[in-house]
Each structure stands twice: as structure tokens, then as C-alpha cells.
N, C-alpha and C. Protein backbone atom coordinates (compact mmCIF):
# COMPACT_ATOMS: atom_id res chain seq x y z
N UNK A 1 0.86 -1.03 -0.16
CA UNK A 1 -0.23 0.31 -0.17
C UNK A 1 0.72 1.25 -0.21
N UNK A 2 0.31 2.53 -0.33
CA UNK A 2 1.38 3.21 -0.92
C UNK A 2 1.14 4.30 0.61
N UNK A 3 2.14 4.79 0.63
CA UNK A 3 2.56 5.72 2.02
C UNK A 3 1.48 6.75 2.08
N UNK A 4 0.74 7.44 3.02
CA UNK A 4 0.13 8.63 2.88
C UNK A 4 0.82 9.53 3.50
N UNK A 5 0.91 10.72 3.22
CA UNK A 5 1.78 12.20 3.39
C UNK A 5 0.84 13.15 3.93
N UNK A 6 0.81 13.93 4.64
CA UNK A 6 0.17 15.29 4.64
C UNK A 6 1.52 15.89 5.24
N UNK A 7 1.70 17.31 4.27
CA UNK A 7 2.74 18.26 4.96
C UNK A 7 2.31 18.58 6.34
N UNK A 8 3.61 18.28 7.23
CA UNK A 8 3.33 18.57 8.78
C UNK A 8 3.82 20.20 8.98
N UNK A 9 3.90 20.82 8.32
CA UNK A 9 4.12 22.25 8.13
C UNK A 9 2.82 23.17 8.40
N UNK A 10 1.90 22.59 7.60
CA UNK A 10 0.40 23.57 7.33
C UNK A 10 -0.50 22.40 8.33
N UNK A 11 -0.39 21.60 8.81
CA UNK A 11 -1.09 20.53 9.53
C UNK A 11 -1.77 21.22 10.55
N UNK A 12 -2.97 21.36 10.52
CA UNK A 12 -3.68 21.82 11.80
C UNK A 12 -3.92 23.45 12.41
N UNK A 13 -3.24 23.83 11.09
CA UNK A 13 -3.31 25.70 10.55
C UNK A 13 -4.13 25.99 9.64
N UNK A 14 -4.37 26.96 10.04
CA UNK A 14 -5.45 28.14 8.77
C UNK A 14 -4.22 28.45 8.15
N UNK A 15 -4.26 28.67 7.00
CA UNK A 15 -3.39 29.32 6.02
C UNK A 15 -4.04 29.46 4.53
N UNK A 16 -3.16 30.47 4.12
CA UNK A 16 -3.95 31.26 2.55
C UNK A 16 -3.19 29.97 1.71
N UNK A 17 -4.24 29.35 1.03
CA UNK A 17 -3.70 28.59 -0.18
C UNK A 17 -2.78 28.98 -1.14
N UNK A 18 -2.80 30.00 -1.69
CA UNK A 18 -2.21 30.89 -2.73
C UNK A 18 -0.67 31.19 -2.40
N UNK A 19 -0.36 31.08 -0.90
CA UNK A 19 0.81 31.19 -0.25
C UNK A 19 1.70 29.83 -0.27
N UNK A 20 1.05 29.04 -0.64
CA UNK A 20 1.82 27.77 -0.82
C UNK A 20 3.05 27.26 -2.00
N UNK A 21 2.64 28.11 -3.08
CA UNK A 21 3.14 28.23 -3.94
C UNK A 21 3.61 29.14 -4.47
N UNK A 22 5.11 29.53 -4.66
CA UNK A 22 5.72 31.48 -4.87
C UNK A 22 5.95 31.24 -6.43
N UNK A 23 5.29 32.51 -7.46
CA UNK A 23 5.49 32.79 -8.63
C UNK A 23 7.27 32.57 -8.65
N UNK A 24 7.57 32.09 -9.97
CA UNK A 24 8.85 31.85 -10.57
C UNK A 24 8.96 32.58 -12.06
N UNK A 25 9.83 32.89 -12.08
CA UNK A 25 9.84 33.60 -13.99
C UNK A 25 10.01 32.48 -14.45
N UNK A 26 9.27 32.23 -15.59
CA UNK A 26 9.53 31.24 -16.64
C UNK A 26 9.49 30.00 -16.17
N UNK A 27 8.52 29.86 -14.94
CA UNK A 27 8.46 28.12 -14.48
C UNK A 27 7.15 27.84 -14.35
N UNK A 28 6.65 26.76 -13.46
CA UNK A 28 6.24 26.18 -13.15
C UNK A 28 6.35 25.56 -12.00
N UNK A 29 5.77 25.82 -10.54
CA UNK A 29 6.21 25.62 -9.27
C UNK A 29 4.92 24.56 -8.45
N UNK A 30 5.40 23.50 -8.21
CA UNK A 30 4.56 23.18 -7.51
C UNK A 30 4.59 22.44 -5.99
N UNK A 31 3.58 22.36 -5.10
CA UNK A 31 3.60 22.07 -3.74
C UNK A 31 2.85 20.91 -3.51
N UNK A 32 3.21 19.44 -3.31
CA UNK A 32 1.82 18.52 -2.90
C UNK A 32 1.93 18.82 -1.43
N UNK A 33 0.54 19.05 -0.89
CA UNK A 33 0.07 19.09 0.41
C UNK A 33 -0.21 18.01 0.89
N UNK A 34 -0.81 16.89 0.10
CA UNK A 34 -1.31 15.93 0.86
C UNK A 34 -1.04 14.63 -0.24
N UNK A 35 -0.85 12.92 -0.01
CA UNK A 35 -0.97 12.43 -0.73
C UNK A 35 -1.33 11.13 -0.18
N UNK A 36 -1.91 10.49 -0.47
CA UNK A 36 -2.56 9.30 0.11
C UNK A 36 -3.09 8.34 -1.27
N UNK A 37 -3.49 7.01 -0.82
CA UNK A 37 -3.81 5.75 -1.66
C UNK A 37 -4.97 6.38 -2.61
N UNK A 38 -5.87 7.11 -1.87
CA UNK A 38 -6.79 7.21 -2.69
C UNK A 38 -7.08 8.83 -3.47
N UNK A 39 -5.75 9.47 -3.58
CA UNK A 39 -5.51 10.79 -4.12
C UNK A 39 -4.87 11.67 -3.59
N UNK A 40 -4.68 12.91 -4.36
CA UNK A 40 -3.55 14.00 -4.08
C UNK A 40 -4.07 15.33 -3.98
N UNK A 41 -3.55 16.27 -2.75
CA UNK A 41 -3.50 17.82 -3.23
C UNK A 41 -2.63 18.31 -3.66
N UNK A 42 -2.54 19.10 -4.11
CA UNK A 42 -1.47 20.16 -4.95
C UNK A 42 -1.49 21.35 -5.14
N UNK A 43 -0.90 22.49 -4.41
CA UNK A 43 -1.02 23.74 -5.60
C UNK A 43 0.47 23.97 -6.39
N UNK A 44 -0.49 24.61 -7.58
CA UNK A 44 0.54 24.76 -8.47
C UNK A 44 0.71 26.71 -8.58
N UNK A 45 2.07 27.14 -9.26
CA UNK A 45 2.17 28.47 -9.59
C UNK A 45 2.45 28.51 -11.01
N UNK A 46 1.77 28.78 -12.02
CA UNK A 46 2.58 28.96 -13.16
C UNK A 46 2.82 30.33 -13.78
N UNK A 47 4.10 30.72 -14.36
CA UNK A 47 4.12 32.02 -14.51
C UNK A 47 3.57 32.12 -16.26
N UNK A 48 3.39 33.55 -16.19
CA UNK A 48 2.41 33.92 -17.78
C UNK A 48 2.93 33.13 -18.41
N UNK A 49 2.30 32.29 -19.41
CA UNK A 49 2.39 31.66 -20.84
C UNK A 49 3.01 30.17 -20.33
N UNK A 50 3.25 30.03 -19.42
CA UNK A 50 3.93 28.62 -18.76
C UNK A 50 2.50 27.50 -18.74
N UNK A 51 2.52 26.17 -18.81
CA UNK A 51 1.73 25.19 -18.96
C UNK A 51 2.28 24.05 -18.62
N UNK A 52 1.19 22.63 -18.80
CA UNK A 52 1.02 21.56 -18.79
C UNK A 52 0.84 21.04 -20.32
N UNK A 53 1.74 20.56 -20.95
CA UNK A 53 1.24 19.85 -22.13
C UNK A 53 0.43 18.37 -21.83
N UNK A 54 -0.69 18.30 -23.30
CA UNK A 54 -1.39 17.53 -23.15
C UNK A 54 -0.79 16.45 -22.69
N UNK A 55 -2.23 15.43 -21.85
CA UNK A 55 -1.48 14.14 -20.89
C UNK A 55 -2.97 13.83 -20.84
N UNK A 56 -2.98 12.30 -20.18
CA UNK A 56 -4.41 11.92 -19.70
C UNK A 56 -3.84 11.58 -18.29
N UNK A 57 -4.79 11.43 -17.46
CA UNK A 57 -4.69 10.75 -16.04
C UNK A 57 -6.00 9.90 -15.78
N UNK A 58 -5.42 8.64 -15.10
CA UNK A 58 -6.49 7.31 -15.28
C UNK A 58 -7.41 7.82 -13.95
N UNK A 59 -7.59 9.10 -13.65
CA UNK A 59 -8.48 9.36 -12.72
C UNK A 59 -9.19 10.91 -12.55
N UNK A 60 -9.89 11.04 -12.24
CA UNK A 60 -10.56 12.54 -11.96
C UNK A 60 -9.88 13.43 -11.30
N UNK A 61 -9.89 14.94 -12.02
CA UNK A 61 -9.18 15.89 -11.46
C UNK A 61 -9.68 17.16 -11.44
N UNK A 62 -9.67 17.40 -10.39
CA UNK A 62 -10.55 19.16 -10.14
C UNK A 62 -9.63 20.14 -9.93
N UNK A 63 -10.01 21.29 -10.85
CA UNK A 63 -8.88 22.45 -10.95
C UNK A 63 -9.66 23.17 -10.13
N UNK A 64 -9.05 24.09 -9.41
CA UNK A 64 -9.77 25.25 -8.68
C UNK A 64 -8.60 26.39 -8.72
N UNK A 65 -8.91 27.18 -9.54
CA UNK A 65 -8.23 28.65 -9.47
C UNK A 65 -8.18 29.67 -8.23
N UNK A 66 -6.81 29.57 -7.97
CA UNK A 66 -6.56 30.79 -6.60
C UNK A 66 -6.51 32.11 -7.39
N UNK A 67 -6.17 32.33 -8.50
CA UNK A 67 -5.27 33.30 -8.82
C UNK A 67 -4.94 33.56 -10.45
N UNK A 68 -5.60 34.60 -10.93
CA UNK A 68 -5.08 34.74 -12.00
C UNK A 68 -5.79 33.67 -13.52
N UNK A 69 -5.63 33.67 -14.28
CA UNK A 69 -6.41 33.18 -15.03
C UNK A 69 -5.55 31.91 -16.18
N UNK A 70 -6.14 31.05 -16.77
CA UNK A 70 -5.66 30.17 -17.65
C UNK A 70 -6.73 29.51 -18.92
N UNK A 71 -6.12 29.02 -19.72
CA UNK A 71 -6.89 28.01 -20.44
C UNK A 71 -6.69 26.79 -20.36
N UNK A 72 -7.80 26.28 -19.83
CA UNK A 72 -7.80 24.73 -19.65
C UNK A 72 -8.40 23.88 -20.87
N UNK A 73 -7.62 23.08 -21.71
CA UNK A 73 -8.17 22.40 -22.78
C UNK A 73 -8.54 20.73 -22.60
N UNK A 74 -9.63 20.17 -22.80
CA UNK A 74 -9.93 18.87 -22.15
C UNK A 74 -10.74 18.49 -23.68
N UNK A 75 -10.08 17.33 -23.98
CA UNK A 75 -10.40 17.13 -25.29
C UNK A 75 -10.48 17.60 -26.52
N UNK A 76 -9.17 18.76 -26.56
CA UNK A 76 -8.60 19.79 -27.55
C UNK A 76 -9.93 20.75 -27.33
N UNK A 77 -11.19 21.17 -26.37
CA UNK A 77 -11.89 22.16 -26.32
C UNK A 77 -11.05 23.39 -25.70
N UNK A 78 -11.23 24.91 -25.57
CA UNK A 78 -10.67 25.40 -24.76
C UNK A 78 -11.88 25.73 -23.64
N UNK A 79 -11.43 26.00 -22.38
CA UNK A 79 -12.24 26.21 -21.02
C UNK A 79 -11.34 27.59 -20.39
N UNK A 80 -11.79 28.90 -20.44
CA UNK A 80 -10.72 30.03 -19.30
C UNK A 80 -11.55 29.73 -18.26
N UNK A 81 -10.38 29.48 -17.14
CA UNK A 81 -10.66 29.51 -15.71
C UNK A 81 -9.94 30.66 -15.32
N UNK A 82 -10.79 31.38 -14.48
CA UNK A 82 -10.40 32.65 -13.46
C UNK A 82 -10.38 32.32 -12.10
N UNK A 83 -10.23 33.11 -11.41
CA UNK A 83 -10.15 33.18 -10.11
C UNK A 83 -11.05 32.72 -9.35
N UNK A 84 -11.47 31.77 -8.56
CA UNK A 84 -12.55 31.22 -7.79
C UNK A 84 -13.59 30.54 -8.89
N UNK A 85 -12.80 30.05 -10.02
CA UNK A 85 -13.93 29.09 -10.36
C UNK A 85 -12.91 27.45 -10.68
N UNK A 86 -13.91 26.67 -10.74
CA UNK A 86 -13.15 25.22 -10.85
C UNK A 86 -13.50 24.49 -11.91
N UNK A 87 -12.88 23.31 -12.28
CA UNK A 87 -13.62 22.84 -13.82
C UNK A 87 -12.72 21.20 -13.18
N UNK A 88 -13.80 20.36 -13.62
CA UNK A 88 -13.43 19.16 -13.53
C UNK A 88 -12.89 18.32 -14.84
N UNK A 89 -11.57 17.85 -15.07
CA UNK A 89 -11.17 17.21 -16.05
C UNK A 89 -11.39 15.73 -15.72
N UNK A 90 -12.18 15.34 -16.43
CA UNK A 90 -12.68 13.39 -16.43
C UNK A 90 -11.22 12.66 -16.43
N UNK A 91 -11.70 11.53 -16.05
CA UNK A 91 -10.45 10.49 -16.09
C UNK A 91 -10.12 10.21 -17.67
N UNK A 92 -9.25 9.72 -18.10
CA UNK A 92 -9.14 9.44 -19.52
C UNK A 92 -9.30 9.91 -20.54
N UNK A 93 -9.19 11.46 -19.95
CA UNK A 93 -9.67 12.46 -21.37
C UNK A 93 -8.08 13.07 -21.07
N UNK A 94 -7.94 13.36 -22.50
CA UNK A 94 -6.61 14.11 -22.41
C UNK A 94 -7.45 15.93 -22.62
N UNK A 95 -6.16 16.12 -21.56
CA UNK A 95 -6.25 17.61 -21.20
C UNK A 95 -4.96 18.43 -20.90
N UNK A 96 -4.85 19.90 -21.18
CA UNK A 96 -3.78 20.43 -21.14
C UNK A 96 -3.81 21.63 -20.47
N UNK A 97 -2.93 22.75 -20.24
CA UNK A 97 -3.17 23.77 -19.17
C UNK A 97 -2.23 24.78 -20.01
N UNK A 98 -2.61 26.18 -20.11
CA UNK A 98 -1.88 27.15 -20.55
C UNK A 98 -1.96 28.34 -19.85
N UNK A 99 -1.16 28.95 -18.81
CA UNK A 99 -1.63 30.53 -18.11
C UNK A 99 -1.60 31.57 -18.99
N UNK A 100 -2.76 32.06 -19.01
CA UNK A 100 -2.82 33.27 -20.03
C UNK A 100 -2.60 34.39 -19.03
N UNK A 101 -2.31 34.41 -17.48
CA UNK A 101 -1.79 35.38 -16.93
C UNK A 101 -1.00 34.53 -15.74
N UNK A 102 -0.31 35.36 -14.71
CA UNK A 102 0.69 34.30 -14.12
C UNK A 102 -0.66 33.42 -13.33
N UNK A 103 -0.86 32.65 -12.93
CA UNK A 103 -2.05 31.84 -12.79
C UNK A 103 -1.63 30.52 -11.43
N UNK A 104 -2.41 30.34 -10.56
CA UNK A 104 -2.37 29.72 -9.24
C UNK A 104 -3.42 28.65 -8.94
N UNK A 105 -3.31 27.53 -8.63
CA UNK A 105 -4.36 26.92 -8.69
C UNK A 105 -4.38 25.58 -7.83
N UNK A 106 -5.22 25.12 -7.41
CA UNK A 106 -5.41 23.96 -6.28
C UNK A 106 -5.83 22.58 -7.23
N UNK A 107 -5.33 21.64 -7.48
CA UNK A 107 -5.75 20.54 -7.84
C UNK A 107 -5.67 19.06 -6.76
N UNK A 108 -6.83 18.83 -7.02
CA UNK A 108 -7.15 17.46 -6.22
C UNK A 108 -7.98 16.50 -7.20
N UNK A 109 -6.72 15.19 -7.02
CA UNK A 109 -6.61 14.22 -7.88
C UNK A 109 -7.84 13.18 -7.31
N UNK A 110 -8.78 12.70 -7.55
CA UNK A 110 -9.67 11.68 -6.81
C UNK A 110 -9.11 10.10 -7.51
N UNK A 111 -8.78 9.41 -7.18
CA UNK A 111 -8.23 7.96 -7.38
C UNK A 111 -9.57 6.75 -7.24
């Protein structure tokens, strides 16, 4: 069975999600918050124009926008996501992301 991990630095504390990953020039920054056999929770920060190339995952993924905006492509169809909005990327469907502005997101993968 896979190991369960919860980041001890944030356990039992009220925190600002968007502070967990800082913007870096020309980069994508990620920080895993929780890893369990049933899924993961991570925060990402994308510099403007950065992104993730098209790929698939064998489980559903919920993206919640914390800051900025991005184009999320699911099955080739673009969806604009702005602060406070969410989208679910279904399992086994190709998806990609490109930051339109600096963009931070919470990613919840459910296995």
C-alpha cells in the first residue's frame, strides 16, 4: 500500500492556499499538500505563458483557480478558468493547461 503523507508544516493550521506556491519567472512551481492512496492535493503556480502539455490521467482531477487565469483544454476544447472558478477534468480524457496570466491553482486528484 502507498504511503500517506500530509505536509506537517501546514497540519492543523489555517493558511492561505495561494501562499503555498510562489511564482517564479518562466517556471511552473508545485507543492504537494496531501498524498494518500485515494488521491493527492497540490498547489501550482504558473508564470504567464507557462503550462502543462497534453496528457491523460486514469482518475478525475478537480482544478480550482486561486489567482489569475488559464486556458484548460479538455478533449481539445478550451475552457477559460479565472479566480474562484473550478473545472473537473474527467479520467482518461486528454487535457492541457496554459496560463493566460500568472496563474495559481489547487489540484485535487481523486483515484
